[in-house]
């Protein structure tokens, strides 16, 4: 499984899903033009990934975020996950450092976990795809 972050042009989402044969994947969408701060991002993630109410309440902690993004048991019936961030350039444009941290977490923590770390750290863990599509 080649989990990754991919920069694409608007309208290419379906092509990527077909190219990588991403059937039965949970699709979460964010509109970066509405995400100005880290808190906005966290609240959008909670909605997009349908976090159970009151489960993910520490929205200021990157560690809590990583823990929950490597759980997703409430939507584990899917073969993988796709996060589409539309208007990515606009997302957190006044906070490039924080935006960079978020993207680093996908590359260094979340995507590698779902690729194979889950097999060694979770009882009966199953490798899944995790793609982040950055759209502009």
C-alpha atoms as a PDB file:
ATOM      1  CA  UNK A   1       0.000   0.000   0.000  1.00  0.00           C
ATOM      2  CA  UNK A   2       1.500   3.315  -1.076  1.00  0.00           C
ATOM      3  CA  UNK A   3      -0.083   5.865   1.256  1.00  0.00           C
ATOM      4  CA  UNK A   4       0.742   9.387   0.231  1.00  0.00           C
ATOM      5  CA  UNK A   5      -0.019  13.051  -0.113  1.00  0.00           C
ATOM      6  CA  UNK A   6      -0.747  14.186  -3.669  1.00  0.00           C
ATOM      7  CA  UNK A   7      -1.106  17.719  -5.031  1.00  0.00           C
ATOM      8  CA  UNK A   8      -3.773  17.845  -7.742  1.00  0.00           C
ATOM      9  CA  UNK A   9      -5.752  20.344  -9.776  1.00  0.00           C
ATOM     10  CA  UNK A  10      -9.421  20.910  -9.083  1.00  0.00           C
ATOM     11  CA  UNK A  11     -11.538  18.201 -10.690  1.00  0.00           C
ATOM     12  CA  UNK A  12      -8.854  15.472 -10.663  1.00  0.00           C
ATOM     13  CA  UNK A  13     -10.153  13.697  -7.555  1.00  0.00           C
ATOM     14  CA  UNK A  14     -12.055  11.012  -9.485  1.00  0.00           C
ATOM     15  CA  UNK A  15      -9.050  10.353 -11.739  1.00  0.00           C
ATOM     16  CA  UNK A  16      -6.802   9.759  -8.727  1.00  0.00           C
ATOM     17  CA  UNK A  17      -9.370   7.494  -7.063  1.00  0.00           C
ATOM     18  CA  UNK A  18      -9.577   5.462 -10.284  1.00  0.00           C
ATOM     19  CA  UNK A  19      -5.798   5.469 -10.906  1.00  0.00           C
ATOM     20  CA  UNK A  20      -5.032   4.039  -7.472  1.00  0.00           C
ATOM     21  CA  UNK A  21      -8.136   1.803  -7.430  1.00  0.00           C
ATOM     22  CA  UNK A  22      -9.407   3.362  -4.204  1.00  0.00           C
ATOM     23  CA  UNK A  23     -12.715   1.514  -3.983  1.00  0.00           C
ATOM     24  CA  UNK A  24     -14.496   1.270  -0.648  1.00  0.00           C
ATOM     25  CA  UNK A  25     -12.528   4.179   0.822  1.00  0.00           C
ATOM     26  CA  UNK A  26     -14.002   6.622   3.294  1.00  0.00           C
ATOM     27  CA  UNK A  27     -13.852  10.098   1.749  1.00  0.00           C
ATOM     28  CA  UNK A  28     -13.501  13.133   4.005  1.00  0.00           C
ATOM     29  CA  UNK A  29     -13.569  16.613   2.462  1.00  0.00           C
ATOM     30  CA  UNK A  30     -12.392  19.923   3.833  1.00  0.00           C
ATOM     31  CA  UNK A  31     -12.665  23.367   2.263  1.00  0.00           C
ATOM     32  CA  UNK A  32      -9.383  25.093   3.006  1.00  0.00           C
ATOM     33  CA  UNK A  33     -10.903  28.511   2.307  1.00  0.00           C
ATOM     34  CA  UNK A  34     -12.908  28.098   5.534  1.00  0.00           C
ATOM     35  CA  UNK A  35      -9.936  26.947   7.621  1.00  0.00           C
ATOM     36  CA  UNK A  36      -8.005  29.921   8.949  1.00  0.00           C
ATOM     37  CA  UNK A  37      -6.533  28.582  12.215  1.00  0.00           C
ATOM     38  CA  UNK A  38      -5.374  25.309  13.747  1.00  0.00           C
ATOM     39  CA  UNK A  39      -8.608  25.221  15.749  1.00  0.00           C
ATOM     40  CA  UNK A  40     -10.654  25.615  12.544  1.00  0.00           C
ATOM     41  CA  UNK A  41      -8.724  22.693  11.046  1.00  0.00           C
ATOM     42  CA  UNK A  42      -9.300  20.473  14.067  1.00  0.00           C
ATOM     43  CA  UNK A  43     -13.020  21.231  14.135  1.00  0.00           C
ATOM     44  CA  UNK A  44     -13.288  20.519  10.394  1.00  0.00           C
ATOM     45  CA  UNK A  45     -11.469  17.173  10.841  1.00  0.00           C
ATOM     46  CA  UNK A  46     -13.861  16.197  13.641  1.00  0.00           C
ATOM     47  CA  UNK A  47     -16.809  16.748  11.295  1.00  0.00           C
ATOM     48  CA  UNK A  48     -15.206  15.258   8.161  1.00  0.00           C
ATOM     49  CA  UNK A  49     -14.176  12.033   9.906  1.00  0.00           C
ATOM     50  CA  UNK A  50     -17.402  11.858  11.932  1.00  0.00           C
ATOM     51  CA  UNK A  51     -15.668  11.662  15.296  1.00  0.00           C
ATOM     52  CA  UNK A  52     -18.120  10.461  17.952  1.00  0.00           C
ATOM     53  CA  UNK A  53     -19.451  13.263  20.117  1.00  0.00           C
ATOM     54  CA  UNK A  54     -17.107  14.258  22.959  1.00  0.00           C
ATOM     55  CA  UNK A  55     -14.458  11.764  21.852  1.00  0.00           C
ATOM     56  CA  UNK A  56     -11.886  14.220  20.532  1.00  0.00           C
ATOM     57  CA  UNK A  57     -12.168  17.244  22.784  1.00  0.00           C
ATOM     58  CA  UNK A  58      -8.547  18.393  23.146  1.00  0.00           C
ATOM     59  CA  UNK A  59      -8.369  20.245  19.843  1.00  0.00           C
ATOM     60  CA  UNK A  60      -5.178  22.075  20.812  1.00  0.00           C
ATOM     61  CA  UNK A  61      -3.049  18.930  21.054  1.00  0.00           C
ATOM     62  CA  UNK A  62      -1.253  17.547  18.018  1.00  0.00           C
ATOM     63  CA  UNK A  63      -0.599  14.360  20.014  1.00  0.00           C
ATOM     64  CA  UNK A  64      -4.317  13.831  20.670  1.00  0.00           C
ATOM     65  CA  UNK A  65      -4.962  14.515  16.971  1.00  0.00           C
ATOM     66  CA  UNK A  66      -2.408  11.874  15.940  1.00  0.00           C
ATOM     67  CA  UNK A  67      -3.885   9.355  18.372  1.00  0.00           C
ATOM     68  CA  UNK A  68      -7.392   9.736  16.983  1.00  0.00           C
ATOM     69  CA  UNK A  69      -6.315   9.841  13.326  1.00  0.00           C
ATOM     70  CA  UNK A  70      -4.643   6.469  13.950  1.00  0.00           C
ATOM     71  CA  UNK A  71      -7.783   5.041  15.542  1.00  0.00           C
ATOM     72  CA  UNK A  72     -10.833   5.662  13.316  1.00  0.00           C
ATOM     73  CA  UNK A  73     -12.520   2.496  14.653  1.00  0.00           C
ATOM     74  CA  UNK A  74     -15.967   4.057  14.170  1.00  0.00           C
ATOM     75  CA  UNK A  75     -15.368   4.016  10.385  1.00  0.00           C
ATOM     76  CA  UNK A  76     -13.174   0.911  10.125  1.00  0.00           C
ATOM     77  CA  UNK A  77     -15.486  -0.914   7.715  1.00  0.00           C
ATOM     78  CA  UNK A  78     -13.655   0.847   4.861  1.00  0.00           C
ATOM     79  CA  UNK A  79     -10.508  -0.375   3.108  1.00  0.00           C
ATOM     80  CA  UNK A  80      -8.862   2.999   3.578  1.00  0.00           C
ATOM     81  CA  UNK A  81      -9.302   6.727   3.889  1.00  0.00           C
ATOM     82  CA  UNK A  82      -9.067   9.694   1.552  1.00  0.00           C
ATOM     83  CA  UNK A  83      -8.817  13.227   2.876  1.00  0.00           C
ATOM     84  CA  UNK A  84      -9.496  15.825   0.195  1.00  0.00           C
ATOM     85  CA  UNK A  85      -8.514  19.372   1.107  1.00  0.00           C
ATOM     86  CA  UNK A  86      -9.962  21.744  -1.470  1.00  0.00           C
ATOM     87  CA  UNK A  87      -8.514  25.263  -1.777  1.00  0.00           C
ATOM     88  CA  UNK A  88      -5.389  24.015  -0.033  1.00  0.00           C
ATOM     89  CA  UNK A  89      -3.349  27.161  -0.728  1.00  0.00           C
ATOM     90  CA  UNK A  90      -5.917  29.234   1.177  1.00  0.00           C
ATOM     91  CA  UNK A  91      -5.962  26.905   4.181  1.00  0.00           C
ATOM     92  CA  UNK A  92      -4.277  28.535   7.194  1.00  0.00           C
ATOM     93  CA  UNK A  93      -2.466  30.965   4.884  1.00  0.00           C
ATOM     94  CA  UNK A  94      -1.628  33.213   7.860  1.00  0.00           C
ATOM     95  CA  UNK A  95      -0.200  30.234   9.789  1.00  0.00           C
ATOM     96  CA  UNK A  96       2.225  28.474   7.426  1.00  0.00           C
ATOM     97  CA  UNK A  97       4.245  26.895  10.259  1.00  0.00           C
ATOM     98  CA  UNK A  98       1.168  25.212  11.776  1.00  0.00           C
ATOM     99  CA  UNK A  99      -0.023  24.155   8.326  1.00  0.00           C
ATOM    100  CA  UNK A 100       3.392  22.596   7.709  1.00  0.00           C
ATOM    101  CA  UNK A 101       3.191  20.693  10.990  1.00  0.00           C
ATOM    102  CA  UNK A 102      -0.184  19.246   9.982  1.00  0.00           C
ATOM    103  CA  UNK A 103       1.192  18.096   6.629  1.00  0.00           C
ATOM    104  CA  UNK A 104       4.307  16.652   8.293  1.00  0.00           C
ATOM    105  CA  UNK A 105       2.059  14.609  10.595  1.00  0.00           C
ATOM    106  CA  UNK A 106       0.420  12.981   7.573  1.00  0.00           C
ATOM    107  CA  UNK A 107       3.775  12.177   5.935  1.00  0.00           C
ATOM    108  CA  UNK A 108       5.640  11.110   9.070  1.00  0.00           C
ATOM    109  CA  UNK A 109       2.988   9.659  11.375  1.00  0.00           C
ATOM    110  CA  UNK A 110      -0.524   9.051  10.038  1.00  0.00           C
ATOM    111  CA  UNK A 111       0.142   7.611   6.551  1.00  0.00           C
ATOM    112  CA  UNK A 112       3.018   5.337   7.708  1.00  0.00           C
ATOM    113  CA  UNK A 113       0.855   4.068  10.558  1.00  0.00           C
ATOM    114  CA  UNK A 114      -1.947   2.975   8.239  1.00  0.00           C
ATOM    115  CA  UNK A 115       0.524   1.573   5.697  1.00  0.00           C
ATOM    116  CA  UNK A 116       2.103  -1.002   8.019  1.00  0.00           C
ATOM    117  CA  UNK A 117       2.693   0.127  11.611  1.00  0.00           C
ATOM    118  CA  UNK A 118      -0.907  -0.805  12.444  1.00  0.00           C
ATOM    119  CA  UNK A 119       0.034  -4.451  11.832  1.00  0.00           C
ATOM    120  CA  UNK A 120       2.550  -4.377  14.687  1.00  0.00           C
ATOM    121  CA  UNK A 121       0.845  -2.067  17.179  1.00  0.00           C
ATOM    122  CA  UNK A 122      -2.851  -2.974  17.104  1.00  0.00           C
ATOM    123  CA  UNK A 123      -4.296  -6.382  17.959  1.00  0.00           C
ATOM    124  CA  UNK A 124      -5.753  -7.739  14.695  1.00  0.00           C
ATOM    125  CA  UNK A 125      -4.673  -4.479  13.029  1.00  0.00           C
ATOM    126  CA  UNK A 126      -5.171  -4.231   9.281  1.00  0.00           C
ATOM    127  CA  UNK A 127      -3.114  -2.109   6.883  1.00  0.00           C
ATOM    128  CA  UNK A 128      -5.219   0.440   5.050  1.00  0.00           C
ATOM    129  CA  UNK A 129      -4.687   3.096   2.481  1.00  0.00           C
ATOM    130  CA  UNK A 130      -4.564   6.720   3.570  1.00  0.00           C
ATOM    131  CA  UNK A 131      -4.364   9.328   0.847  1.00  0.00           C
ATOM    132  CA  UNK A 132      -4.356  13.088   1.270  1.00  0.00           C
ATOM    133  CA  UNK A 133      -5.369  14.967  -1.879  1.00  0.00           C
ATOM    134  CA  UNK A 134      -4.426  18.647  -1.830  1.00  0.00           C
ATOM    135  CA  UNK A 135      -6.546  20.472  -4.379  1.00  0.00           C
ATOM    136  CA  UNK A 136      -6.005  23.889  -5.945  1.00  0.00           C
END
